[in-house]
Amino acid sequence: AGDQTSTFVGVSIPDLGNEVFAQVLEGIDRRLGTFGHQTVLGLTQHTLEEEENWIRTVLSWQPAGLILTGRSHSPRALEMLKNAGIPIVEIWDLNSSPLDVSVGINHFDCGYDMGRFLIGCGYRALGYVGTSHDTANAATARLEGFTKAVRDGGGSVRKQLCLQDTASFYPGFYGTEQLLSSGAQVECIFYQNDSMAFGGLQFCTQKGLDVPGDMGIAGWGDLPVASVLKQRLTSVHVPHLKLGQAAAEMMIARLSGEAVRPCRAIEFHLIPGATVRHAKV
């Protein structure tokens, strides 16, 4: 639309309590700002219904474009998005068939890499602690990748807990307590993210369990707080700020009518850390 004068871009993220999304948002906001665009934020609380309501509202304000976290949207939201006629960038989960364009991480591969690494460290009985949200596809995909790698390597995920809660410190703490008191014999626990892993680490410390001697702990996301731990947390580094910047750049390119590749994968890498025992070479 040549007559498009709107300078704002709608950005939906699940919640601000999650440091990861706060970093992604910062990357988006800074980059869009340098091109004279403002962000209008929507918090979807991980539900398709909240997202749909936000999309309806924000489209009535005629934004220049939308940046949406996640790849699943309600049927009604999909219809509105397809009819909106504006650039839409889906972020977070790499979507090989996006509505418009996508910038994200292959979460299945992230989980697979961690599973393969832990099997390589000699673990065979694994546990998982995370949360359950109807749209936490990224975490679900990570768990699927993790489980497949563990099976491929001759191990098993003995127990997986998906708590009805936010993926933060306290659920990681009590989730670990639940998992260990369930009688499941696990040697190492993989968590949905670093915040939950810190909670698990604290629980083990309080119970006098040695990490990694008695229990291995692995997170995901490589949060800044990991850098001040006594031991380096075993995790997966994801450049969250860069992901946000890449999403903003893709939006700017779409707005200025440049040709863009529909999908952009953001690289991640495994951090061996010191919270799991390492294989004897």
Protein backbone atom coordinates (compact mmCIF):
# COMPACT_ATOMS: atom_id res chain seq x y z
CA ALA A 1 0.00 0.00 0.00
CA GLY A 2 1.68 3.17 -1.20
CA ASP A 3 -0.49 5.31 1.05
CA GLN A 4 0.57 3.43 4.15
CA THR A 5 1.62 5.96 6.75
CA SER A 6 1.46 3.77 9.85
CA THR A 7 4.81 3.54 11.60
CA PHE A 8 3.90 1.01 14.23
CA VAL A 9 4.44 -2.73 14.21
CA GLY A 10 2.46 -5.04 16.46
CA VAL A 11 4.59 -7.55 18.37
CA SER A 12 3.09 -10.46 20.31
CA ILE A 13 5.11 -12.39 22.89
CA PRO A 14 3.82 -14.92 25.43
CA ASP A 15 4.97 -13.15 28.60
CA LEU A 16 7.50 -10.67 29.92
CA GLY A 17 8.35 -12.74 32.98
CA ASN A 18 10.41 -14.98 30.73
CA GLU A 19 13.79 -13.33 30.30
CA VAL A 20 14.22 -14.97 26.90
CA PHE A 21 11.23 -13.16 25.38
CA ALA A 22 12.26 -9.91 27.04
CA GLN A 23 15.61 -10.19 25.19
CA VAL A 24 13.92 -11.04 21.87
CA LEU A 25 11.65 -8.02 22.32
CA GLU A 26 14.61 -5.76 23.07
CA GLY A 27 16.27 -6.88 19.83
CA ILE A 28 13.10 -6.17 17.84
CA ASP A 29 12.40 -2.82 19.47
CA ARG A 30 15.93 -1.43 19.09
CA ARG A 31 16.20 -2.43 15.45
CA LEU A 32 12.74 -1.18 14.47
CA GLY A 33 13.46 2.05 16.33
CA THR A 34 16.49 2.81 14.19
CA PHE A 35 14.17 2.69 11.17
CA GLY A 36 11.61 5.00 12.75
CA HIS A 37 9.10 2.31 13.71
CA GLN A 38 7.46 1.84 17.10
CA THR A 39 6.43 -1.47 18.61
CA VAL A 40 3.02 -2.07 20.10
CA LEU A 41 3.24 -5.01 22.45
CA GLY A 42 0.70 -7.75 23.06
CA LEU A 43 1.05 -10.46 25.72
CA THR A 44 -0.71 -13.67 24.70
CA GLN A 45 -0.10 -15.68 27.90
CA HIS A 46 0.52 -18.76 25.73
CA THR A 47 -3.12 -19.05 24.64
CA LEU A 48 -4.50 -18.96 21.09
CA GLU A 49 -7.63 -17.17 22.29
CA GLU A 50 -5.66 -14.28 23.83
CA GLU A 51 -3.61 -14.03 20.64
CA GLU A 52 -6.74 -13.96 18.48
CA ASN A 53 -8.28 -11.15 20.56
CA TRP A 54 -5.05 -9.15 20.39
CA ILE A 55 -4.76 -9.63 16.60
CA ARG A 56 -8.35 -8.43 16.12
CA THR A 57 -7.70 -5.30 18.19
CA VAL A 58 -4.31 -4.45 16.74
CA LEU A 59 -5.47 -4.90 13.12
CA SER A 60 -8.22 -2.33 13.74
CA TRP A 61 -5.43 0.21 14.35
CA GLN A 62 -3.99 -0.52 10.89
CA PRO A 63 -0.40 -1.41 11.76
CA ALA A 64 2.40 -1.49 9.18
CA GLY A 65 3.05 -5.15 10.04
CA LEU A 66 2.89 -7.82 12.74
CA ILE A 67 5.57 -9.91 14.45
CA LEU A 68 4.05 -12.97 16.13
CA THR A 69 5.69 -15.43 18.52
CA GLY A 70 5.01 -19.02 17.55
CA ARG A 71 3.57 -20.72 14.53
CA SER A 72 0.16 -21.85 15.75
CA HIS A 73 -2.78 -19.49 15.51
CA SER A 74 -6.52 -20.07 15.89
CA PRO A 75 -8.51 -20.62 12.64
CA ARG A 76 -10.16 -17.20 13.11
CA ALA A 77 -6.78 -15.52 13.66
CA LEU A 78 -5.37 -17.20 10.53
CA GLU A 79 -8.27 -15.85 8.50
CA MET A 80 -7.73 -12.30 9.81
CA LEU A 81 -3.98 -12.51 9.18
CA LYS A 82 -4.41 -13.76 5.61
CA ASN A 83 -6.84 -10.95 4.84
CA ALA A 84 -4.78 -8.23 6.51
CA GLY A 85 -2.53 -7.63 3.49
CA ILE A 86 0.44 -6.60 5.63
CA PRO A 87 3.84 -8.24 6.28
CA ILE A 88 3.73 -10.87 9.03
CA VAL A 89 6.89 -12.27 10.61
CA GLU A 90 6.46 -15.43 12.69
CA ILE A 91 9.30 -15.82 15.17
CA TRP A 92 10.69 -18.31 17.66
CA ASP A 93 9.82 -21.70 16.10
CA LEU A 94 11.30 -21.95 12.63
CA ASN A 95 8.31 -22.44 10.36
CA SER A 96 9.14 -23.93 6.98
CA SER A 97 5.71 -22.96 5.63
CA PRO A 98 5.09 -19.55 7.19
CA LEU A 99 2.04 -17.35 6.61
CA ASP A 100 4.48 -14.81 5.19
CA VAL A 101 8.03 -15.03 6.58
CA SER A 102 9.63 -16.75 9.57
CA VAL A 103 12.73 -16.24 11.74
CA GLY A 104 13.41 -18.90 14.32
CA ILE A 105 15.22 -21.82 15.82
CA ASN A 106 14.81 -25.48 15.04
CA HIS A 107 13.74 -26.53 18.52
CA PHE A 108 13.54 -30.24 17.64
CA ASP A 109 17.23 -30.14 16.66
CA CYS A 110 18.07 -28.26 19.89
CA GLY A 111 16.51 -31.03 21.93
CA TYR A 112 18.08 -33.72 19.79
CA ASP A 113 21.56 -32.23 20.24
CA MET A 114 21.14 -32.16 24.02
CA GLY A 115 19.86 -35.75 24.13
CA ARG A 116 22.74 -36.98 22.00
CA PHE A 117 25.23 -35.06 24.16
CA LEU A 118 23.89 -36.53 27.43
CA ILE A 119 23.94 -40.06 26.00
CA GLY A 120 27.56 -39.34 25.01
CA CYS A 121 28.25 -38.43 28.65
CA GLY A 122 27.22 -41.95 29.62
CA TYR A 123 23.70 -41.24 30.91
CA ARG A 124 20.98 -43.78 30.06
CA ALA A 125 18.13 -42.98 32.49
CA LEU A 126 16.95 -39.44 31.84
CA GLY A 127 14.22 -37.20 33.24
CA TYR A 128 12.51 -34.06 31.92
CA VAL A 129 10.88 -31.17 33.77
CA GLY A 130 8.91 -28.53 31.88
CA THR A 131 5.49 -26.91 31.61
CA SER A 132 2.44 -27.58 29.51
CA HIS A 133 0.87 -24.80 27.45
CA ASP A 134 -1.41 -25.34 24.50
CA THR A 135 0.89 -23.25 22.32
CA ALA A 136 4.33 -24.00 23.75
CA ASN A 137 5.21 -25.77 20.52
CA ALA A 138 8.84 -24.87 20.84
CA ALA A 139 9.21 -26.66 24.18
CA THR A 140 7.18 -29.61 22.89
CA ALA A 141 9.42 -29.87 19.83
CA ARG A 142 12.53 -29.74 22.05
CA LEU A 143 11.15 -32.55 24.21
CA GLU A 144 10.37 -34.64 21.11
CA GLY A 145 13.88 -34.12 19.74
CA PHE A 146 15.40 -34.91 23.13
CA THR A 147 13.36 -38.11 23.57
CA LYS A 148 14.25 -39.31 20.07
CA ALA A 149 17.99 -38.74 20.60
CA VAL A 150 17.90 -40.56 23.94
CA ARG A 151 16.10 -43.53 22.37
CA ASP A 152 18.41 -43.52 19.35
CA GLY A 153 21.34 -43.71 21.78
CA GLY A 154 19.94 -46.66 23.70
CA GLY A 155 18.66 -44.73 26.73
CA SER A 156 15.18 -43.86 27.96
CA VAL A 157 13.33 -40.86 29.32
CA ARG A 158 12.06 -42.53 32.50
CA LYS A 159 9.87 -39.68 33.63
CA GLN A 160 8.69 -36.44 32.10
CA LEU A 161 6.80 -33.86 34.11
CA CYS A 162 4.86 -31.14 32.35
CA LEU A 163 3.56 -28.81 35.07
CA GLN A 164 0.59 -26.48 34.71
CA ASP A 165 2.71 -23.46 35.55
CA THR A 166 5.14 -20.89 34.16
CA ALA A 167 8.61 -22.05 33.12
CA SER A 168 10.46 -20.33 35.96
CA PHE A 169 12.60 -20.93 39.06
CA TYR A 170 10.02 -22.21 41.53
CA PRO A 171 8.32 -24.72 39.18
CA GLY A 172 11.81 -26.02 38.38
CA PHE A 173 12.41 -26.45 42.11
CA TYR A 174 9.19 -28.25 43.00
CA GLY A 175 9.12 -30.14 39.69
CA THR A 176 12.48 -31.65 40.62
CA GLU A 177 11.14 -32.57 44.05
CA GLN A 178 8.13 -34.25 42.41
CA LEU A 179 10.25 -36.11 39.90
CA LEU A 180 12.73 -37.40 42.48
CA SER A 181 10.04 -38.40 44.98
CA SER A 182 8.12 -40.30 42.28
CA GLY A 183 10.61 -43.13 42.62
CA ALA A 184 11.74 -42.77 39.00
CA GLN A 185 15.44 -43.68 38.89
CA VAL A 186 17.00 -40.93 36.81
CA GLU A 187 20.66 -39.94 36.54
CA CYS A 188 20.20 -36.62 34.78
CA ILE A 189 17.37 -34.11 34.23
CA PHE A 190 16.83 -31.92 31.17
CA TYR A 191 14.72 -28.81 31.84
CA GLN A 192 12.55 -26.74 29.50
CA ASN A 193 14.78 -23.74 30.16
CA ASP A 194 17.60 -22.41 32.33
CA SER A 195 15.28 -20.80 34.88
CA MET A 196 13.72 -24.17 35.65
CA ALA A 197 17.19 -25.77 35.68
CA PHE A 198 18.37 -23.24 38.31
CA GLY A 199 15.37 -24.18 40.45
CA GLY A 200 16.34 -27.84 40.07
CA LEU A 201 19.95 -27.08 40.93
CA GLN A 202 18.82 -25.32 44.12
CA PHE A 203 16.63 -28.24 45.11
CA CYS A 204 19.49 -30.72 44.64
CA THR A 205 21.86 -28.48 46.63
CA GLN A 206 19.36 -28.18 49.50
CA LYS A 207 18.87 -31.94 49.54
CA GLY A 208 22.64 -32.48 49.74
CA LEU A 209 22.81 -34.07 46.28
CA ASP A 210 26.06 -33.43 44.46
CA VAL A 211 25.72 -32.02 40.94
CA PRO A 212 26.96 -33.63 38.75
CA GLY A 213 28.15 -36.48 41.04
CA ASP A 214 24.69 -37.65 42.12
CA MET A 215 22.53 -35.91 39.53
CA GLY A 216 23.17 -34.28 36.17
CA ILE A 217 21.32 -31.05 35.31
CA ALA A 218 20.89 -29.48 31.88
CA GLY A 219 18.95 -26.38 30.85
CA TRP A 220 18.17 -24.49 27.67
CA GLY A 221 18.62 -20.87 26.57
CA ASP A 222 21.89 -19.91 28.27
CA LEU A 223 20.47 -17.07 30.37
CA PRO A 224 22.84 -14.31 31.60
CA VAL A 225 22.35 -15.42 35.22
CA ALA A 226 24.15 -18.67 34.25
CA SER A 227 27.40 -16.73 34.08
CA VAL A 228 27.45 -16.11 37.85
CA LEU A 229 26.79 -19.68 38.96
CA LYS A 230 29.50 -21.55 40.83
CA GLN A 231 29.38 -24.17 38.06
CA ARG A 232 28.74 -23.42 34.40
CA LEU A 233 25.27 -24.74 33.59
CA THR A 234 25.05 -27.30 30.80
CA SER A 235 22.73 -25.58 28.33
CA VAL A 236 22.05 -24.54 24.74
CA HIS A 237 23.06 -21.03 23.73
CA VAL A 238 20.49 -19.19 21.65
CA PRO A 239 21.23 -15.63 20.51
CA HIS A 240 17.90 -14.16 21.60
CA LEU A 241 18.81 -10.54 20.93
CA LYS A 242 20.03 -11.48 17.45
CA LEU A 243 16.80 -13.36 16.77
CA GLY A 244 14.84 -10.21 17.61
CA GLN A 245 17.08 -8.06 15.43
CA ALA A 246 16.76 -10.51 12.52
CA ALA A 247 12.96 -10.42 12.85
CA ALA A 248 12.97 -6.62 12.77
CA GLU A 249 15.29 -6.59 9.75
CA MET A 250 13.02 -9.00 7.92
CA MET A 251 10.03 -6.77 8.71
CA ILE A 252 11.86 -3.66 7.43
CA ALA A 253 12.81 -5.50 4.22
CA ARG A 254 9.19 -6.60 3.68
CA LEU A 255 7.93 -3.07 4.33
CA SER A 256 10.33 -1.60 1.80
CA GLY A 257 9.30 -4.20 -0.78
CA GLU A 258 12.63 -6.04 -0.91
CA ALA A 259 12.70 -9.70 -1.86
CA VAL A 260 13.38 -11.83 1.23
CA ARG A 261 13.88 -15.55 1.81
CA PRO A 262 10.75 -16.79 3.55
CA CYS A 263 12.64 -18.60 6.33
CA ARG A 264 15.70 -17.65 8.31
CA ALA A 265 17.18 -20.12 10.78
CA ILE A 266 19.04 -18.74 13.79
CA GLU A 267 21.96 -20.91 14.86
CA PHE A 268 22.32 -22.29 18.37
CA HIS A 269 25.15 -24.18 20.07
CA LEU A 270 25.46 -26.58 22.95
CA ILE A 271 27.35 -25.51 26.08
CA PRO A 272 28.86 -28.59 27.76
CA GLY A 273 29.01 -26.83 31.14
CA ALA A 274 29.92 -28.46 34.45
CA THR A 275 26.52 -29.65 35.71
CA VAL A 276 26.70 -33.01 33.94
CA ARG A 277 29.49 -35.55 34.18
CA HIS A 278 31.54 -35.72 31.03
CA ALA A 279 32.33 -38.88 29.16
CA LYS A 280 35.82 -40.22 29.65
CA VAL A 281 37.50 -39.81 26.29
